[in-house]
Amino acid sequence: MTMTSEPQTPIKVFPDFSDIEIQMKPYFDELLRLNPPQGSEYNFTNIFIWRHLYRFRVCRVEDTLCIKGTDRSGIESFIIIAKDADAYMNTVKYLAAAYQREGKTLNMFRVEERFLELLKQVFPTMTYENDRDNADYVYLAADLTGLKGRKYDGKRNHIKKFKGKYVYEYADITDRLIGDCIKLTETWYTMKNDPSLEPDVIATKEALMHFAELGLKGSAITIDGVVKAFSITEPLNTDTAVIHIEKYDSAYEGIPQVINQQLCEHVCGAFKYINREQDLGNQGLRRSKMSYNPIFILNKYSVHIS
């Protein structure tokens, strides 16, 4: 598939930008197939479901996609999705020159380490920071499925208590369960009583309402026929699954450990790695993700080219 011919794509050419729309998925997917990503942001689902919070828009520079958004500090920044390293670097050079002509700084966020090294060679005066809050936690799928060894004693104990206390059923997420998962999301938001989580609710609903179109898969736990936990995933690359969303009713002790293990067993078993995305600087979430013993943490960087 080529993206160089204007009639074949709804994506405008720089300096014009298009809103992110579901029908753009094939153009993103083709580039990501050619140049498989490591970071969780390099994925159409994440860009689509979070487009409202980060004000994502997209344009093209030749075959490369340039996603412009606003990070949590309010800085306008780019994510670049290219077919290979050469196309990536050529696009950054083009954008940097365009911004320099206007006396502006080109900001990029969620830059993977493999591209950071290339950028430092071409732009030796650029500045950059390690964005620890957006680093991804990556695990061996076998670890999260089997939970073997002393380091997972606590997880197995939580699962054992849950199974001893509740009669539950596992189900793959299908159209039949979408409405129930949306209801649980709304219940979760009410229980959290935190207005700052509204963007999370919007993103979760977007994923559920476009579940099939986005090519998503997921697992649900039901008790008395009611969904009490669910998790949503898809392939990030050929050996890694990325877990986008996990919601559960915290009134049921052990249910977060159960839904995580069940998703990994039933849906992610074919993958070597599982990317559980970032902690966004939430210390409770950071402790939780570290407690599952990641095999590595994928660093990402904010880059500024003047």
Protein backbone atom coordinates (compact mmCIF):
# COMPACT_ATOMS: atom_id res chain seq x y z
CA MET A 1 0.00 0.00 0.00
CA THR A 2 1.33 3.41 -0.92
CA MET A 3 0.43 6.61 0.86
CA THR A 4 2.06 9.05 -1.51
CA SER A 5 -1.01 9.60 -3.71
CA GLU A 6 -3.41 12.17 -2.28
CA PRO A 7 -6.70 10.47 -3.37
CA GLN A 8 -5.75 7.23 -1.57
CA THR A 9 -5.62 8.66 1.93
CA PRO A 10 -7.73 11.02 4.03
CA ILE A 11 -4.58 12.29 5.76
CA LYS A 12 -3.53 15.82 4.79
CA VAL A 13 0.02 16.84 3.87
CA PHE A 14 2.12 19.04 6.21
CA PRO A 15 1.60 21.86 7.16
CA ASP A 16 -2.11 20.97 7.13
CA PHE A 17 -3.45 18.48 9.66
CA SER A 18 -6.37 16.04 9.80
CA ASP A 19 -8.42 14.89 12.78
CA ILE A 20 -7.73 11.29 13.81
CA GLU A 21 -10.46 9.05 12.39
CA ILE A 22 -11.06 5.32 12.54
CA GLN A 23 -10.69 4.85 8.77
CA MET A 24 -7.03 5.91 9.06
CA LYS A 25 -6.09 2.69 10.85
CA PRO A 26 -4.79 0.85 7.71
CA TYR A 27 -2.27 3.62 6.99
CA PHE A 28 -0.91 3.50 10.53
CA ASP A 29 -0.87 -0.30 10.56
CA GLU A 30 1.10 -0.58 7.33
CA LEU A 31 3.90 1.67 8.58
CA LEU A 32 3.95 -0.10 11.95
CA ARG A 33 4.20 -3.44 10.14
CA LEU A 34 7.22 -2.20 8.17
CA ASN A 35 8.89 -0.67 11.22
CA PRO A 36 7.60 -2.57 14.29
CA PRO A 37 7.37 -0.37 17.39
CA GLN A 38 8.56 -0.98 20.92
CA GLY A 39 6.75 1.84 22.74
CA SER A 40 3.04 1.57 23.46
CA GLU A 41 2.23 4.97 21.94
CA TYR A 42 3.28 3.75 18.48
CA ASN A 43 -0.06 2.07 17.99
CA PHE A 44 -3.22 3.28 16.27
CA THR A 45 -5.52 2.26 19.13
CA ASN A 46 -3.68 4.38 21.69
CA ILE A 47 -3.57 7.40 19.39
CA PHE A 48 -7.26 7.00 18.50
CA ILE A 49 -8.73 6.45 21.98
CA TRP A 50 -6.63 9.20 23.61
CA ARG A 51 -7.03 11.72 20.77
CA HIS A 52 -9.36 13.95 22.81
CA LEU A 53 -7.10 14.25 25.87
CA TYR A 54 -3.90 14.88 23.91
CA ARG A 55 -5.59 16.77 21.05
CA PHE A 56 -3.96 14.50 18.52
CA ARG A 57 -4.05 15.46 14.83
CA VAL A 58 -2.09 13.92 11.97
CA CYS A 59 -0.39 14.93 8.73
CA ARG A 60 1.94 13.34 6.19
CA VAL A 61 5.45 14.14 5.06
CA GLU A 62 5.74 11.87 2.03
CA ASP A 63 4.88 8.40 3.45
CA THR A 64 5.61 9.30 7.07
CA LEU A 65 2.85 10.07 9.58
CA CYS A 66 3.38 13.00 11.94
CA ILE A 67 1.03 13.03 14.92
CA LYS A 68 0.87 16.37 16.68
CA GLY A 69 -0.50 16.60 20.19
CA THR A 70 -0.24 18.40 23.50
CA ASP A 71 1.45 16.61 26.38
CA ARG A 72 0.37 16.90 30.01
CA SER A 73 2.54 19.98 30.50
CA GLY A 74 0.79 21.71 27.60
CA ILE A 75 3.73 21.58 25.16
CA GLU A 76 2.85 20.90 21.52
CA SER A 77 4.88 17.86 20.45
CA PHE A 78 5.15 15.23 17.72
CA ILE A 79 5.12 11.46 17.50
CA ILE A 80 6.65 10.27 14.21
CA ILE A 81 5.65 6.96 12.59
CA ALA A 82 7.85 6.05 9.62
CA LYS A 83 8.51 2.97 7.49
CA ASP A 84 12.19 2.85 8.46
CA ALA A 85 14.95 4.80 10.23
CA ASP A 86 15.90 6.77 7.12
CA ALA A 87 12.33 7.96 6.57
CA TYR A 88 12.09 8.83 10.27
CA MET A 89 15.24 10.96 10.19
CA ASN A 90 14.38 12.64 6.89
CA THR A 91 11.01 13.65 8.30
CA VAL A 92 12.51 15.05 11.50
CA LYS A 93 15.01 17.07 9.44
CA TYR A 94 12.16 18.42 7.31
CA LEU A 95 10.02 19.38 10.32
CA ALA A 96 12.98 20.87 12.21
CA ALA A 97 13.85 23.07 9.22
CA ALA A 98 10.23 24.21 8.87
CA TYR A 99 10.04 25.11 12.56
CA GLN A 100 13.41 26.84 12.53
CA ARG A 101 12.28 29.07 9.66
CA GLU A 102 9.52 30.29 11.95
CA GLY A 103 11.84 30.65 14.93
CA LYS A 104 10.17 27.75 16.76
CA THR A 105 11.44 24.67 18.58
CA LEU A 106 10.45 21.26 17.28
CA ASN A 107 9.31 19.17 20.24
CA MET A 108 8.93 15.41 20.09
CA PHE A 109 7.62 13.16 22.82
CA ARG A 110 7.66 9.40 23.61
CA VAL A 111 10.82 9.03 21.50
CA GLU A 112 12.20 5.50 21.65
CA GLU A 113 15.85 5.04 22.62
CA ARG A 114 16.75 3.55 19.23
CA PHE A 115 15.72 6.83 17.56
CA LEU A 116 17.24 9.02 20.27
CA GLU A 117 20.71 7.78 19.35
CA LEU A 118 20.16 8.67 15.68
CA LEU A 119 18.81 12.10 16.59
CA LYS A 120 21.81 12.91 18.78
CA GLN A 121 24.14 12.25 15.85
CA VAL A 122 22.28 14.59 13.48
CA PHE A 123 21.26 17.27 16.01
CA PRO A 124 24.17 17.47 18.50
CA THR A 125 22.81 20.65 20.14
CA MET A 126 19.33 19.28 20.79
CA THR A 127 18.16 18.82 24.35
CA TYR A 128 16.27 15.84 25.73
CA GLU A 129 14.93 14.36 28.96
CA ASN A 130 14.14 10.83 30.07
CA ASP A 131 10.35 10.72 30.48
CA ARG A 132 10.25 8.18 33.33
CA ASP A 133 6.52 8.63 33.95
CA ASN A 134 5.81 7.34 30.45
CA ALA A 135 8.30 4.47 30.41
CA ASP A 136 6.67 1.14 29.54
CA TYR A 137 6.78 -1.93 31.77
CA VAL A 138 7.60 -5.06 29.77
CA TYR A 139 7.23 -8.60 31.14
CA LEU A 140 7.79 -12.15 30.00
CA ALA A 141 4.37 -13.53 29.07
CA ALA A 142 5.30 -16.83 30.69
CA ASP A 143 5.89 -15.03 34.02
CA LEU A 144 2.50 -13.32 34.03
CA THR A 145 0.73 -16.50 32.98
CA GLY A 146 2.41 -18.99 35.32
CA LEU A 147 3.22 -16.69 38.27
CA LYS A 148 5.87 -19.22 39.32
CA GLY A 149 8.44 -18.79 42.06
CA ARG A 150 8.64 -17.00 45.39
CA LYS A 151 8.53 -13.55 43.78
CA TYR A 152 4.91 -14.22 42.80
CA ASP A 153 3.77 -15.78 46.11
CA GLY A 154 1.61 -12.75 46.91
CA LYS A 155 -0.10 -12.80 43.50
CA ARG A 156 -0.92 -16.50 43.77
CA ASN A 157 -2.28 -16.02 47.29
CA HIS A 158 -4.62 -13.25 46.11
CA ILE A 159 -5.87 -15.48 43.29
CA LYS A 160 -6.37 -18.42 45.66
CA LYS A 161 -8.45 -16.27 48.04
CA PHE A 162 -10.59 -14.99 45.16
CA LYS A 163 -11.25 -18.49 43.83
CA GLY A 164 -12.09 -19.73 47.30
CA LYS A 165 -14.56 -16.95 48.00
CA TYR A 166 -16.34 -16.36 44.68
CA VAL A 167 -17.94 -18.43 41.96
CA TYR A 168 -16.88 -16.78 38.73
CA GLU A 169 -16.75 -17.37 35.00
CA TYR A 170 -14.16 -16.37 32.43
CA ALA A 171 -15.23 -15.05 29.03
CA ASP A 172 -13.57 -13.57 25.99
CA ILE A 173 -14.92 -10.08 25.26
CA THR A 174 -17.43 -10.23 22.41
CA ASP A 175 -20.22 -7.92 21.26
CA ARG A 176 -22.42 -9.54 23.91
CA LEU A 177 -20.27 -8.14 26.74
CA ILE A 178 -19.42 -4.67 25.39
CA GLY A 179 -22.37 -2.98 27.10
CA ASP A 180 -21.58 -4.69 30.42
CA CYS A 181 -17.94 -3.58 30.20
CA ILE A 182 -19.10 0.01 29.62
CA LYS A 183 -21.34 -0.26 32.71
CA LEU A 184 -18.40 -1.49 34.80
CA THR A 185 -16.30 1.42 33.51
CA GLU A 186 -18.95 3.86 34.72
CA THR A 187 -19.16 2.05 38.07
CA TRP A 188 -15.37 2.18 38.38
CA TYR A 189 -15.41 5.94 37.77
CA THR A 190 -18.12 6.45 40.39
CA MET A 191 -16.20 4.37 42.94
CA LYS A 192 -12.97 6.26 42.30
CA ASN A 193 -14.75 9.62 42.78
CA ASP A 194 -11.96 11.44 40.96
CA PRO A 195 -12.92 13.84 38.14
CA SER A 196 -9.36 13.72 36.74
CA LEU A 197 -10.10 10.15 35.60
CA GLU A 198 -12.78 11.26 33.12
CA PRO A 199 -10.35 11.10 30.14
CA ASP A 200 -9.60 7.50 31.12
CA VAL A 201 -13.33 6.71 30.99
CA ILE A 202 -13.66 8.37 27.59
CA ALA A 203 -10.68 6.39 26.22
CA THR A 204 -12.02 3.12 27.62
CA LYS A 205 -15.43 3.68 26.08
CA GLU A 206 -13.83 4.55 22.74
CA ALA A 207 -11.93 1.25 22.81
CA LEU A 208 -15.07 -0.71 23.67
CA MET A 209 -17.35 1.01 21.15
CA HIS A 210 -14.79 0.43 18.36
CA PHE A 211 -13.61 -2.94 19.69
CA ALA A 212 -13.92 -4.92 16.45
CA GLU A 213 -12.82 -2.07 14.15
CA LEU A 214 -9.65 -1.62 16.20
CA GLY A 215 -8.90 -5.34 16.10
CA LEU A 216 -8.90 -5.64 19.88
CA LYS A 217 -9.20 -8.73 22.05
CA GLY A 218 -9.98 -9.01 25.72
CA SER A 219 -10.97 -11.01 28.74
CA ALA A 220 -13.77 -10.57 31.28
CA ILE A 221 -14.57 -12.03 34.68
CA THR A 222 -18.26 -12.36 35.56
CA ILE A 223 -19.85 -13.10 38.93
CA ASP A 224 -23.56 -13.99 38.95
CA GLY A 225 -23.61 -13.07 35.27
CA VAL A 226 -22.31 -9.53 35.86
CA VAL A 227 -18.95 -8.30 34.51
CA LYS A 228 -16.71 -7.46 37.46
CA ALA A 229 -13.40 -7.12 35.62
CA PHE A 230 -12.13 -6.83 32.07
CA SER A 231 -8.90 -6.19 30.22
CA ILE A 232 -8.18 -5.24 26.61
CA THR A 233 -5.13 -6.09 24.51
CA GLU A 234 -3.76 -6.40 20.98
CA PRO A 235 -0.43 -7.17 19.29
CA LEU A 236 2.13 -4.36 19.51
CA ASN A 237 4.60 -6.22 17.30
CA THR A 238 5.21 -9.85 16.35
CA ASP A 239 6.47 -10.92 19.79
CA THR A 240 4.77 -8.43 22.13
CA ALA A 241 1.19 -7.90 23.22
CA VAL A 242 0.23 -4.53 24.70
CA ILE A 243 -2.41 -4.27 27.42
CA HIS A 244 -4.30 -1.03 26.88
CA ILE A 245 -6.99 -1.15 29.55
CA GLU A 246 -7.80 -2.98 32.77
CA LYS A 247 -10.87 -2.23 34.86
CA TYR A 248 -12.29 -4.09 37.85
CA ASP A 249 -14.59 -3.78 40.83
CA SER A 250 -12.16 -3.41 43.74
CA ALA A 251 -14.79 -4.73 46.19
CA TYR A 252 -13.71 -8.23 45.13
CA GLU A 253 -10.39 -9.07 46.78
CA GLY A 254 -7.96 -10.64 44.34
CA ILE A 255 -9.82 -9.70 41.19
CA PRO A 256 -7.02 -7.51 39.69
CA GLN A 257 -4.60 -10.43 39.97
CA VAL A 258 -7.16 -12.80 38.45
CA ILE A 259 -8.04 -10.67 35.41
CA ASN A 260 -4.36 -10.03 34.67
CA GLN A 261 -3.46 -13.73 34.86
CA GLN A 262 -6.50 -14.86 32.90
CA LEU A 263 -5.92 -12.39 30.06
CA CYS A 264 -2.31 -13.50 29.77
CA GLU A 265 -3.28 -17.18 29.78
CA HIS A 266 -6.24 -17.04 27.40
CA VAL A 267 -5.35 -14.21 25.00
CA CYS A 268 -1.63 -13.41 25.17
CA GLY A 269 -0.18 -16.92 25.29
CA ALA A 270 1.30 -16.75 21.79
CA PHE A 271 3.54 -13.77 22.65
CA LYS A 272 6.95 -13.73 24.30
CA TYR A 273 6.50 -10.34 25.95
CA ILE A 274 3.67 -8.30 27.41
CA ASN A 275 3.82 -4.50 27.54
CA ARG A 276 1.64 -3.13 30.34
CA GLU A 277 2.27 0.49 29.36
CA GLN A 278 3.26 3.29 31.74
CA ASP A 279 2.48 4.48 35.26
CA LEU A 280 2.07 8.21 34.42
CA GLY A 281 3.93 9.09 37.61
CA ASN A 282 1.27 7.51 39.85
CA GLN A 283 3.30 5.99 42.69
CA GLY A 284 0.66 3.40 43.58
CA LEU A 285 0.51 2.26 39.96
CA ARG A 286 4.32 2.23 39.81
CA ARG A 287 4.52 -0.08 42.84
CA SER A 288 1.87 -2.33 41.32
CA LYS A 289 3.66 -2.61 37.98
CA MET A 290 7.03 -3.20 39.65
CA SER A 291 5.50 -5.93 41.83
CA TYR A 292 5.01 -8.05 38.71
CA ASN A 293 8.78 -8.00 38.10
CA PRO A 294 9.24 -6.50 34.62
CA ILE A 295 12.03 -8.01 32.58
CA PHE A 296 12.87 -4.49 31.46
CA ILE A 297 11.54 -0.94 31.49
CA LEU A 298 11.37 0.72 28.08
CA ASN A 299 12.62 4.28 28.42
CA LYS A 300 11.20 7.08 26.29
CA TYR A 301 12.40 10.63 25.84
CA SER A 302 11.18 14.17 25.20
CA VAL A 303 13.33 15.85 22.52
CA HIS A 304 13.67 19.54 21.68
CA ILE A 305 15.34 20.72 18.45
CA SER A 306 15.89 24.47 18.01
